[in-house]
Amino acid sequence: MTASPRPERRSPDQEVTEHPEITYIGCARCGTLIAGLDGRYACSGCGWVNEWTEGHRPLPEARRQRTADTT
């Protein structure tokens, strides 16, 4: 019996820097072929939008930009 290889672990910074993957699906409402980023879709034909949690990976977290003149 051989051990299965462990999945690669990445730091959160590495995951954020990856480019999003363009994916395609038929619209659940009207059947139009639509493209999305990482499994998140919106149909321009009928307005259908899938739930954001159905994406292929978590959304990146917002980063606050700090300005030099904050008090």
PDB file of N, CA and C in Angstrom:
ATOM      1  N   MET A   1       0.830  -1.169   0.000  1.00  0.00           N
ATOM      2  CA  MET A   1       0.000   0.000   0.000  1.00  0.00           C
ATOM      3  C   MET A   1       0.883   1.244   0.000  1.00  0.00           C
ATOM      4  N   THR A   2       0.629   2.153  -0.932  1.00  0.00           N
ATOM      5  CA  THR A   2       1.426   3.370  -0.991  1.00  0.00           C
ATOM      6  C   THR A   2       0.611   4.543  -0.476  1.00  0.00           C
ATOM      7  N   ALA A   3       1.299   5.437   0.158  1.00  0.00           N
ATOM      8  CA  ALA A   3       0.629   6.630   0.680  1.00  0.00           C
ATOM      9  C   ALA A   3       0.357   7.602  -0.458  1.00  0.00           C
ATOM     10  N   SER A   4      -0.799   8.212  -0.430  1.00  0.00           N
ATOM     11  CA  SER A   4      -1.107   9.198  -1.468  1.00  0.00           C
ATOM     12  C   SER A   4      -0.329  10.478  -1.174  1.00  0.00           C
ATOM     13  N   PRO A   5       0.104  11.172  -2.234  1.00  0.00           N
ATOM     14  CA  PRO A   5       0.874  12.399  -2.002  1.00  0.00           C
ATOM     15  C   PRO A   5       0.001  13.461  -1.342  1.00  0.00           C
ATOM     16  N   ARG A   6       0.620  14.238  -0.488  1.00  0.00           N
ATOM     17  CA  ARG A   6      -0.109  15.310   0.182  1.00  0.00           C
ATOM     18  C   ARG A   6      -0.321  16.467  -0.789  1.00  0.00           C
ATOM     19  N   PRO A   7      -1.453  17.153  -0.683  1.00  0.00           N
ATOM     20  CA  PRO A   7      -1.662  18.318  -1.546  1.00  0.00           C
ATOM     21  C   PRO A   7      -0.678  19.422  -1.186  1.00  0.00           C
ATOM     22  N   GLU A   8      -0.311  20.187  -2.194  1.00  0.00           N
ATOM     23  CA  GLU A   8       0.618  21.291  -1.976  1.00  0.00           C
ATOM     24  C   GLU A   8      -0.040  22.331  -1.089  1.00  0.00           C
ATOM     25  N   ARG A   9       0.664  22.784  -0.089  1.00  0.00           N
ATOM     26  CA  ARG A   9       0.141  23.847   0.760  1.00  0.00           C
ATOM     27  C   ARG A   9       0.755  25.159   0.322  1.00  0.00           C
ATOM     28  N   ARG A  10      -0.092  26.153   0.226  1.00  0.00           N
ATOM     29  CA  ARG A  10       0.375  27.463  -0.200  1.00  0.00           C
ATOM     30  C   ARG A  10       0.037  28.486   0.858  1.00  0.00           C
ATOM     31  N   SER A  11       0.882  29.480   0.951  1.00  0.00           N
ATOM     32  CA  SER A  11       0.601  30.565   1.893  1.00  0.00           C
ATOM     33  C   SER A  11      -0.530  31.415   1.314  1.00  0.00           C
ATOM     34  N   PRO A  12      -1.250  32.151   2.154  1.00  0.00           N
ATOM     35  CA  PRO A  12      -2.328  33.015   1.653  1.00  0.00           C
ATOM     36  C   PRO A  12      -1.847  34.017   0.618  1.00  0.00           C
ATOM     37  N   ASP A  13      -0.611  34.493   0.733  1.00  0.00           N
ATOM     38  CA  ASP A  13      -0.082  35.441  -0.248  1.00  0.00           C
ATOM     39  C   ASP A  13       0.057  34.791  -1.619  1.00  0.00           C
ATOM     40  N   GLN A  14       0.456  33.551  -1.673  1.00  0.00           N
ATOM     41  CA  GLN A  14       0.608  32.860  -2.946  1.00  0.00           C
ATOM     42  C   GLN A  14      -0.739  32.637  -3.613  1.00  0.00           C
ATOM     43  N   GLU A  15      -1.781  32.310  -2.847  1.00  0.00           N
ATOM     44  CA  GLU A  15      -3.093  32.083  -3.416  1.00  0.00           C
ATOM     45  C   GLU A  15      -3.664  33.355  -4.021  1.00  0.00           C
ATOM     46  N   VAL A  16      -3.432  34.475  -3.396  1.00  0.00           N
ATOM     47  CA  VAL A  16      -3.958  35.741  -3.882  1.00  0.00           C
ATOM     48  C   VAL A  16      -3.302  36.138  -5.194  1.00  0.00           C
ATOM     49  N   THR A  17      -2.035  35.816  -5.381  1.00  0.00           N
ATOM     50  CA  THR A  17      -1.327  36.243  -6.576  1.00  0.00           C
ATOM     51  C   THR A  17      -1.627  35.385  -7.798  1.00  0.00           C
ATOM     52  N   GLU A  18      -2.293  34.241  -7.630  1.00  0.00           N
ATOM     53  CA  GLU A  18      -2.625  33.413  -8.778  1.00  0.00           C
ATOM     54  C   GLU A  18      -3.631  34.132  -9.662  1.00  0.00           C
ATOM     55  N   HIS A  19      -3.526  33.878 -10.948  1.00  0.00           N
ATOM     56  CA  HIS A  19      -4.468  34.461 -11.885  1.00  0.00           C
ATOM     57  C   HIS A  19      -5.779  33.691 -11.846  1.00  0.00           C
ATOM     58  N   PRO A  20      -6.901  34.387 -11.989  1.00  0.00           N
ATOM     59  CA  PRO A  20      -8.178  33.689 -11.999  1.00  0.00           C
ATOM     60  C   PRO A  20      -8.311  32.830 -13.261  1.00  0.00           C
ATOM     61  N   GLU A  21      -9.068  31.757 -13.146  1.00  0.00           N
ATOM     62  CA  GLU A  21      -9.292  30.859 -14.273  1.00  0.00           C
ATOM     63  C   GLU A  21     -10.619  31.230 -14.937  1.00  0.00           C
ATOM     64  N   ILE A  22     -10.633  31.345 -16.260  1.00  0.00           N
ATOM     65  CA  ILE A  22     -11.862  31.599 -16.997  1.00  0.00           C
ATOM     66  C   ILE A  22     -12.571  30.271 -17.185  1.00  0.00           C
ATOM     67  N   THR A  23     -13.815  30.198 -16.743  1.00  0.00           N
ATOM     68  CA  THR A  23     -14.604  28.971 -16.831  1.00  0.00           C
ATOM     69  C   THR A  23     -15.887  29.255 -17.596  1.00  0.00           C
ATOM     70  N   TYR A  24     -16.485  28.205 -18.162  1.00  0.00           N
ATOM     71  CA  TYR A  24     -17.691  28.339 -18.979  1.00  0.00           C
ATOM     72  C   TYR A  24     -18.782  27.414 -18.466  1.00  0.00           C
ATOM     73  N   ILE A  25     -20.030  27.851 -18.610  1.00  0.00           N
ATOM     74  CA  ILE A  25     -21.184  27.057 -18.183  1.00  0.00           C
ATOM     75  C   ILE A  25     -22.399  27.525 -18.980  1.00  0.00           C
ATOM     76  N   GLY A  26     -23.372  26.643 -19.102  1.00  0.00           N
ATOM     77  CA  GLY A  26     -24.646  27.045 -19.679  1.00  0.00           C
ATOM     78  C   GLY A  26     -25.471  27.717 -18.595  1.00  0.00           C
ATOM     79  N   CYS A  27     -26.085  28.845 -18.902  1.00  0.00           N
ATOM     80  CA  CYS A  27     -26.897  29.574 -17.932  1.00  0.00           C
ATOM     81  C   CYS A  27     -27.995  28.661 -17.410  1.00  0.00           C
ATOM     82  N   ALA A  28     -28.194  28.666 -16.102  1.00  0.00           N
ATOM     83  CA  ALA A  28     -29.205  27.824 -15.473  1.00  0.00           C
ATOM     84  C   ALA A  28     -30.624  28.252 -15.831  1.00  0.00           C
ATOM     85  N   ARG A  29     -30.803  29.496 -16.246  1.00  0.00           N
ATOM     86  CA  ARG A  29     -32.141  29.983 -16.566  1.00  0.00           C
ATOM     87  C   ARG A  29     -32.452  29.903 -18.060  1.00  0.00           C
ATOM     88  N   CYS A  30     -31.554  30.422 -18.921  1.00  0.00           N
ATOM     89  CA  CYS A  30     -31.883  30.498 -20.353  1.00  0.00           C
ATOM     90  C   CYS A  30     -31.020  29.609 -21.236  1.00  0.00           C
ATOM     91  N   GLY A  31     -29.961  29.009 -20.695  1.00  0.00           N
ATOM     92  CA  GLY A  31     -29.130  28.086 -21.451  1.00  0.00           C
ATOM     93  C   GLY A  31     -28.009  28.720 -22.260  1.00  0.00           C
ATOM     94  N   THR A  32     -27.893  30.028 -22.257  1.00  0.00           N
ATOM     95  CA  THR A  32     -26.823  30.718 -22.988  1.00  0.00           C
ATOM     96  C   THR A  32     -25.469  30.325 -22.415  1.00  0.00           C
ATOM     97  N   LEU A  33     -24.482  30.088 -23.290  1.00  0.00           N
ATOM     98  CA  LEU A  33     -23.131  29.787 -22.825  1.00  0.00           C
ATOM     99  C   LEU A  33     -22.517  31.072 -22.275  1.00  0.00           C
ATOM    100  N   ILE A  34     -22.103  31.037 -21.008  1.00  0.00           N
ATOM    101  CA  ILE A  34     -21.519  32.218 -20.371  1.00  0.00           C
ATOM    102  C   ILE A  34     -20.161  31.868 -19.779  1.00  0.00           C
ATOM    103  N   ALA A  35     -19.308  32.874 -19.703  1.00  0.00           N
ATOM    104  CA  ALA A  35     -17.977  32.719 -19.122  1.00  0.00           C
ATOM    105  C   ALA A  35     -17.966  33.391 -17.757  1.00  0.00           C
ATOM    106  N   GLY A  36     -17.137  32.877 -16.879  1.00  0.00           N
ATOM    107  CA  GLY A  36     -17.007  33.469 -15.554  1.00  0.00           C
ATOM    108  C   GLY A  36     -15.592  33.318 -15.053  1.00  0.00           C
ATOM    109  N   LEU A  37     -15.305  33.901 -13.921  1.00  0.00           N
ATOM    110  CA  LEU A  37     -13.994  33.787 -13.293  1.00  0.00           C
ATOM    111  C   LEU A  37     -14.100  32.875 -12.093  1.00  0.00           C
ATOM    112  N   ASP A  38     -13.346  31.797 -12.121  1.00  0.00           N
ATOM    113  CA  ASP A  38     -13.292  30.846 -11.007  1.00  0.00           C
ATOM    114  C   ASP A  38     -14.673  30.322 -10.593  1.00  0.00           C
ATOM    115  N   GLY A  39     -15.537  30.073 -11.563  1.00  0.00           N
ATOM    116  CA  GLY A  39     -16.833  29.481 -11.254  1.00  0.00           C
ATOM    117  C   GLY A  39     -17.895  30.453 -10.776  1.00  0.00           C
ATOM    118  N   ARG A  40     -17.677  31.735 -10.955  1.00  0.00           N
ATOM    119  CA  ARG A  40     -18.674  32.744 -10.598  1.00  0.00           C
ATOM    120  C   ARG A  40     -19.208  33.346 -11.890  1.00  0.00           C
ATOM    121  N   TYR A  41     -20.530  33.278 -12.054  1.00  0.00           N
ATOM    122  CA  TYR A  41     -21.129  33.626 -13.337  1.00  0.00           C
ATOM    123  C   TYR A  41     -22.243  34.651 -13.203  1.00  0.00           C
ATOM    124  N   ALA A  42     -22.449  35.416 -14.279  1.00  0.00           N
ATOM    125  CA  ALA A  42     -23.583  36.324 -14.423  1.00  0.00           C
ATOM    126  C   ALA A  42     -23.956  36.319 -15.901  1.00  0.00           C
ATOM    127  N   CYS A  43     -25.223  36.044 -16.203  1.00  0.00           N
ATOM    128  CA  CYS A  43     -25.687  35.978 -17.589  1.00  0.00           C
ATOM    129  C   CYS A  43     -26.154  37.360 -18.045  1.00  0.00           C
ATOM    130  N   SER A  44     -25.594  37.842 -19.129  1.00  0.00           N
ATOM    131  CA  SER A  44     -25.998  39.151 -19.642  1.00  0.00           C
ATOM    132  C   SER A  44     -27.306  39.057 -20.417  1.00  0.00           C
ATOM    133  N   GLY A  45     -27.737  37.840 -20.770  1.00  0.00           N
ATOM    134  CA  GLY A  45     -28.976  37.676 -21.519  1.00  0.00           C
ATOM    135  C   GLY A  45     -30.221  37.789 -20.649  1.00  0.00           C
ATOM    136  N   CYS A  46     -30.226  37.090 -19.519  1.00  0.00           N
ATOM    137  CA  CYS A  46     -31.438  37.054 -18.690  1.00  0.00           C
ATOM    138  C   CYS A  46     -31.232  37.605 -17.281  1.00  0.00           C
ATOM    139  N   GLY A  47     -29.985  37.866 -16.893  1.00  0.00           N
ATOM    140  CA  GLY A  47     -29.720  38.440 -15.579  1.00  0.00           C
ATOM    141  C   GLY A  47     -29.460  37.429 -14.469  1.00  0.00           C
ATOM    142  N   TRP A  48     -29.449  36.131 -14.798  1.00  0.00           N
ATOM    143  CA  TRP A  48     -29.181  35.114 -13.782  1.00  0.00           C
ATOM    144  C   TRP A  48     -27.757  35.260 -13.259  1.00  0.00           C
ATOM    145  N   VAL A  49     -27.591  35.103 -11.941  1.00  0.00           N
ATOM    146  CA  VAL A  49     -26.280  35.158 -11.293  1.00  0.00           C
ATOM    147  C   VAL A  49     -26.202  33.992 -10.313  1.00  0.00           C
ATOM    148  N   ASN A  50     -25.075  33.253 -10.344  1.00  0.00           N
ATOM    149  CA  ASN A  50     -24.952  32.174  -9.356  1.00  0.00           C
ATOM    150  C   ASN A  50     -24.462  32.730  -8.023  1.00  0.00           C
ATOM    151  N   GLU A  51     -24.676  31.962  -6.982  1.00  0.00           N
ATOM    152  CA  GLU A  51     -24.259  32.353  -5.636  1.00  0.00           C
ATOM    153  C   GLU A  51     -22.734  32.457  -5.586  1.00  0.00           C
ATOM    154  N   TRP A  52     -22.193  33.505  -4.992  1.00  0.00           N
ATOM    155  CA  TRP A  52     -20.742  33.723  -4.968  1.00  0.00           C
ATOM    156  C   TRP A  52     -19.995  32.598  -4.266  1.00  0.00           C
ATOM    157  N   THR A  53     -20.662  31.897  -3.350  1.00  0.00           N
ATOM    158  CA  THR A  53     -20.008  30.809  -2.626  1.00  0.00           C
ATOM    159  C   THR A  53     -19.799  29.567  -3.489  1.00  0.00           C
ATOM    160  N   GLU A  54     -20.383  29.530  -4.685  1.00  0.00           N
ATOM    161  CA  GLU A  54     -20.233  28.386  -5.575  1.00  0.00           C
ATOM    162  C   GLU A  54     -18.936  28.440  -6.383  1.00  0.00           C
ATOM    163  N   GLY A  55     -18.118  29.453  -6.172  1.00  0.00           N
ATOM    164  CA  GLY A  55     -16.862  29.579  -6.892  1.00  0.00           C
ATOM    165  C   GLY A  55     -15.900  28.447  -6.579  1.00  0.00           C
ATOM    166  N   HIS A  56     -14.873  28.316  -7.407  1.00  0.00           N
ATOM    167  CA  HIS A  56     -13.909  27.225  -7.282  1.00  0.00           C
ATOM    168  C   HIS A  56     -12.908  27.416  -6.158  1.00  0.00           C
ATOM    169  N   ARG A  57     -12.706  28.638  -5.725  1.00  0.00           N
ATOM    170  CA  ARG A  57     -11.793  28.905  -4.611  1.00  0.00           C
ATOM    171  C   ARG A  57     -12.268  30.164  -3.892  1.00  0.00           C
ATOM    172  N   PRO A  58     -11.815  30.372  -2.678  1.00  0.00           N
ATOM    173  CA  PRO A  58     -12.280  31.535  -1.913  1.00  0.00           C
ATOM    174  C   PRO A  58     -11.886  32.846  -2.581  1.00  0.00           C
ATOM    175  N   LEU A  59     -12.703  33.845  -2.381  1.00  0.00           N
ATOM    176  CA  LEU A  59     -12.380  35.168  -2.902  1.00  0.00           C
ATOM    177  C   LEU A  59     -11.225  35.753  -2.096  1.00  0.00           C
ATOM    178  N   PRO A  60     -10.378  36.550  -2.737  1.00  0.00           N
ATOM    179  CA  PRO A  60      -9.288  37.177  -1.984  1.00  0.00           C
ATOM    180  C   PRO A  60      -9.860  38.209  -1.012  1.00  0.00           C
ATOM    181  N   GLU A  61      -9.186  38.374   0.098  1.00  0.00           N
ATOM    182  CA  GLU A  61      -9.626  39.358   1.073  1.00  0.00           C
ATOM    183  C   GLU A  61      -9.155  40.742   0.648  1.00  0.00           C
ATOM    184  N   ALA A  62      -9.930  41.739   0.996  1.00  0.00           N
ATOM    185  CA  ALA A  62      -9.561  43.115   0.677  1.00  0.00           C
ATOM    186  C   ALA A  62      -8.357  43.518   1.514  1.00  0.00           C
ATOM    187  N   ARG A  63      -7.505  44.265   0.915  1.00  0.00           N
ATOM    188  CA  ARG A  63      -6.342  44.776   1.638  1.00  0.00           C
ATOM    189  C   ARG A  63      -6.487  46.277   1.775  1.00  0.00           C
ATOM    190  N   ARG A  64      -6.265  46.760   2.955  1.00  0.00           N
ATOM    191  CA  ARG A  64      -6.337  48.206   3.189  1.00  0.00           C
ATOM    192  C   ARG A  64      -5.043  48.847   2.762  1.00  0.00           C
ATOM    193  N   GLN A  65      -5.165  49.938   2.043  1.00  0.00           N
ATOM    194  CA  GLN A  65      -3.969  50.696   1.672  1.00  0.00           C
ATOM    195  C   GLN A  65      -3.801  51.804   2.701  1.00  0.00           C
ATOM    196  N   ARG A  66      -2.608  51.903   3.194  1.00  0.00           N
ATOM    197  CA  ARG A  66      -2.332  52.941   4.175  1.00  0.00           C
ATOM    198  C   ARG A  66      -1.650  54.113   3.475  1.00  0.00           C
ATOM    199  N   THR A  67      -2.072  55.301   3.833  1.00  0.00           N
ATOM    200  CA  THR A  67      -1.440  56.476   3.276  1.00  0.00           C
ATOM    201  C   THR A  67      -0.381  56.978   4.247  1.00  0.00           C
ATOM    202  N   ALA A  68       0.596  57.663   3.730  1.00  0.00           N
ATOM    203  CA  ALA A  68       1.717  58.130   4.540  1.00  0.00           C
ATOM    204  C   ALA A  68       1.315  59.226   5.516  1.00  0.00           C
ATOM    205  N   ASP A  69       0.238  59.973   5.202  1.00  0.00           N
ATOM    206  CA  ASP A  69      -0.111  61.111   6.061  1.00  0.00           C
ATOM    207  C   ASP A  69      -1.284  60.816   6.987  1.00  0.00           C
ATOM    208  N   THR A  70      -1.483  59.574   7.419  1.00  0.00           N
ATOM    209  CA  THR A  70      -2.554  59.273   8.377  1.00  0.00           C
ATOM    210  C   THR A  70      -2.121  59.710   9.765  1.00  0.00           C
ATOM    211  N   THR A  71      -3.087  60.154  10.539  1.00  0.00           N
ATOM    212  CA  THR A  71      -2.747  60.616  11.893  1.00  0.00           C
ATOM    213  C   THR A  71      -3.257  59.673  12.941  1.00  0.00           C
TER     214      THR A  71
END
